[in-house]
N, C-alpha and C. Protein backbone atom coordinates (compact mmCIF):
# COMPACT_ATOMS: atom_id res chain seq x y z
N UNK A 1 75.68 70.98 130.93
CA UNK A 1 76.12 71.54 129.67
C UNK A 1 75.82 73.04 129.65
N UNK A 2 76.75 73.80 129.14
CA UNK A 2 76.62 75.25 129.08
C UNK A 2 75.68 75.68 127.95
N UNK A 3 74.82 76.64 128.24
CA UNK A 3 73.90 77.15 127.22
C UNK A 3 74.63 78.08 126.27
N UNK A 4 74.21 78.08 125.03
CA UNK A 4 74.78 79.01 124.05
C UNK A 4 74.27 80.42 124.32
N UNK A 5 75.13 81.38 124.08
CA UNK A 5 74.74 82.77 124.27
C UNK A 5 74.05 83.27 123.00
N UNK A 6 73.37 84.40 123.14
CA UNK A 6 72.57 84.95 122.03
C UNK A 6 73.42 85.22 120.80
N UNK A 7 74.62 85.74 120.98
CA UNK A 7 75.44 86.07 119.82
C UNK A 7 75.86 84.83 119.06
N UNK A 8 75.96 83.69 119.74
CA UNK A 8 76.31 82.44 119.05
C UNK A 8 75.13 81.94 118.21
N UNK A 9 73.91 82.11 118.72
CA UNK A 9 72.73 81.78 117.92
C UNK A 9 72.65 82.70 116.70
N UNK A 10 72.96 83.98 116.90
CA UNK A 10 72.88 84.94 115.80
C UNK A 10 73.85 84.61 114.68
N UNK A 11 75.02 84.08 115.02
CA UNK A 11 75.99 83.69 113.98
C UNK A 11 75.37 82.64 113.07
N UNK A 12 74.74 81.64 113.65
CA UNK A 12 74.09 80.59 112.85
C UNK A 12 72.92 81.11 112.04
N UNK A 13 72.10 81.94 112.65
CA UNK A 13 70.93 82.49 111.96
C UNK A 13 71.35 83.36 110.78
N UNK A 14 72.31 84.26 111.02
CA UNK A 14 72.76 85.14 109.94
C UNK A 14 73.51 84.38 108.85
N UNK A 15 74.22 83.33 109.21
CA UNK A 15 74.92 82.53 108.20
C UNK A 15 73.93 81.85 107.27
N UNK A 16 72.89 81.25 107.84
CA UNK A 16 71.87 80.59 107.02
C UNK A 16 71.16 81.61 106.15
N UNK A 17 70.80 82.77 106.74
CA UNK A 17 70.14 83.81 105.97
C UNK A 17 71.01 84.29 104.82
N UNK A 18 72.31 84.49 105.08
CA UNK A 18 73.22 84.98 104.05
C UNK A 18 73.32 83.99 102.89
N UNK A 19 73.41 82.71 103.20
CA UNK A 19 73.51 81.70 102.14
C UNK A 19 72.23 81.67 101.31
N UNK A 20 71.08 81.69 101.97
CA UNK A 20 69.81 81.69 101.23
C UNK A 20 69.67 82.95 100.38
N UNK A 21 70.03 84.09 100.95
CA UNK A 21 69.96 85.36 100.23
C UNK A 21 70.90 85.34 99.02
N UNK A 22 72.09 84.79 99.20
CA UNK A 22 73.06 84.71 98.09
C UNK A 22 72.53 83.81 96.97
N UNK A 23 71.97 82.68 97.33
CA UNK A 23 71.43 81.76 96.32
C UNK A 23 70.30 82.42 95.55
N UNK A 24 69.41 83.09 96.26
CA UNK A 24 68.29 83.77 95.59
C UNK A 24 68.80 84.87 94.66
N UNK A 25 69.75 85.67 95.13
CA UNK A 25 70.26 86.75 94.29
C UNK A 25 71.02 86.23 93.07
N UNK A 26 71.79 85.18 93.25
CA UNK A 26 72.63 84.70 92.15
C UNK A 26 71.82 83.93 91.11
N UNK A 27 70.94 83.04 91.57
CA UNK A 27 70.26 82.15 90.63
C UNK A 27 68.89 82.63 90.17
N UNK A 28 68.21 83.44 90.98
CA UNK A 28 66.83 83.78 90.64
C UNK A 28 66.60 85.26 90.34
N UNK A 29 67.67 86.03 90.21
CA UNK A 29 67.48 87.44 89.89
C UNK A 29 68.35 87.82 88.69
N UNK A 30 68.04 88.94 88.14
CA UNK A 30 68.78 89.42 86.97
C UNK A 30 69.68 90.59 87.29
N UNK A 31 70.08 90.71 88.55
CA UNK A 31 70.93 91.82 88.96
C UNK A 31 72.36 91.61 88.48
N UNK A 32 73.06 92.69 88.17
CA UNK A 32 74.48 92.57 87.81
C UNK A 32 75.31 92.16 89.02
N UNK A 33 76.52 91.69 88.74
CA UNK A 33 77.38 91.16 89.80
C UNK A 33 77.69 92.19 90.87
N UNK A 34 77.93 93.44 90.48
CA UNK A 34 78.30 94.44 91.49
C UNK A 34 77.13 94.76 92.42
N UNK A 35 75.90 94.67 91.95
CA UNK A 35 74.73 94.88 92.82
C UNK A 35 74.63 93.73 93.81
N UNK A 36 74.83 92.51 93.33
CA UNK A 36 74.78 91.34 94.21
C UNK A 36 75.88 91.42 95.26
N UNK A 37 77.09 91.77 94.85
CA UNK A 37 78.19 91.83 95.81
C UNK A 37 77.99 92.95 96.82
N UNK A 38 77.43 94.09 96.39
CA UNK A 38 77.14 95.17 97.34
C UNK A 38 76.07 94.75 98.34
N UNK A 39 75.04 94.05 97.86
CA UNK A 39 73.97 93.60 98.75
C UNK A 39 74.49 92.60 99.77
N UNK A 40 75.30 91.65 99.32
CA UNK A 40 75.83 90.65 100.24
C UNK A 40 76.81 91.26 101.23
N UNK A 41 77.61 92.22 100.78
CA UNK A 41 78.54 92.90 101.68
C UNK A 41 77.80 93.72 102.73
N UNK A 42 76.74 94.40 102.31
CA UNK A 42 75.95 95.19 103.25
C UNK A 42 75.30 94.30 104.30
N UNK A 43 74.71 93.19 103.87
CA UNK A 43 74.10 92.25 104.81
C UNK A 43 75.14 91.70 105.77
N UNK A 44 76.33 91.40 105.27
CA UNK A 44 77.41 90.88 106.12
C UNK A 44 77.82 91.90 107.17
N UNK A 45 78.01 93.14 106.77
CA UNK A 45 78.44 94.17 107.71
C UNK A 45 77.37 94.45 108.77
N UNK A 46 76.11 94.51 108.37
CA UNK A 46 75.04 94.72 109.34
C UNK A 46 74.93 93.54 110.30
N UNK A 47 75.09 92.33 109.78
CA UNK A 47 75.06 91.14 110.64
C UNK A 47 76.21 91.15 111.63
N UNK A 48 77.40 91.51 111.17
CA UNK A 48 78.55 91.59 112.08
C UNK A 48 78.34 92.65 113.15
N UNK A 49 77.74 93.77 112.79
CA UNK A 49 77.45 94.81 113.77
C UNK A 49 76.49 94.31 114.84
N UNK A 50 75.44 93.63 114.44
CA UNK A 50 74.46 93.11 115.40
C UNK A 50 75.09 92.05 116.29
N UNK A 51 75.91 91.17 115.71
CA UNK A 51 76.59 90.14 116.50
C UNK A 51 77.56 90.78 117.49
N UNK A 52 78.29 91.80 117.05
CA UNK A 52 79.23 92.49 117.95
C UNK A 52 78.49 93.18 119.10
N UNK A 53 77.36 93.79 118.81
CA UNK A 53 76.57 94.41 119.86
C UNK A 53 76.02 93.38 120.84
N UNK A 54 75.58 92.23 120.33
CA UNK A 54 75.09 91.16 121.21
C UNK A 54 76.23 90.61 122.07
N UNK A 55 77.40 90.46 121.47
CA UNK A 55 78.56 89.98 122.24
C UNK A 55 78.93 90.99 123.33
N UNK A 56 78.96 92.27 122.98
CA UNK A 56 79.30 93.30 123.96
C UNK A 56 78.27 93.35 125.09
N UNK A 57 77.01 93.16 124.76
CA UNK A 57 75.96 93.17 125.78
C UNK A 57 76.13 92.01 126.75
N UNK A 58 76.46 90.82 126.23
CA UNK A 58 76.61 89.66 127.11
C UNK A 58 77.90 89.71 127.92
N UNK A 59 78.87 90.52 127.49
CA UNK A 59 80.12 90.64 128.23
C UNK A 59 80.23 91.97 128.98
N UNK A 60 79.11 92.67 129.15
CA UNK A 60 79.01 93.91 129.93
C UNK A 60 79.97 95.01 129.47
N UNK A 61 80.03 95.24 128.17
CA UNK A 61 80.83 96.34 127.64
C UNK A 61 79.94 97.51 127.34
């Protein structure tokens, strides 16, 4: 069986983190909607950047 690459693990890790972060921000904080959406968008973009860098590293780019 083929081993998963680092970027595939990162997708799962960041997905779980994003969901937990979203639940905490939505249900347990008093922030307005635009602050929550900016925070989630920022986390998503940074996660995508890290995943893209990990993918590029494993594919020798």
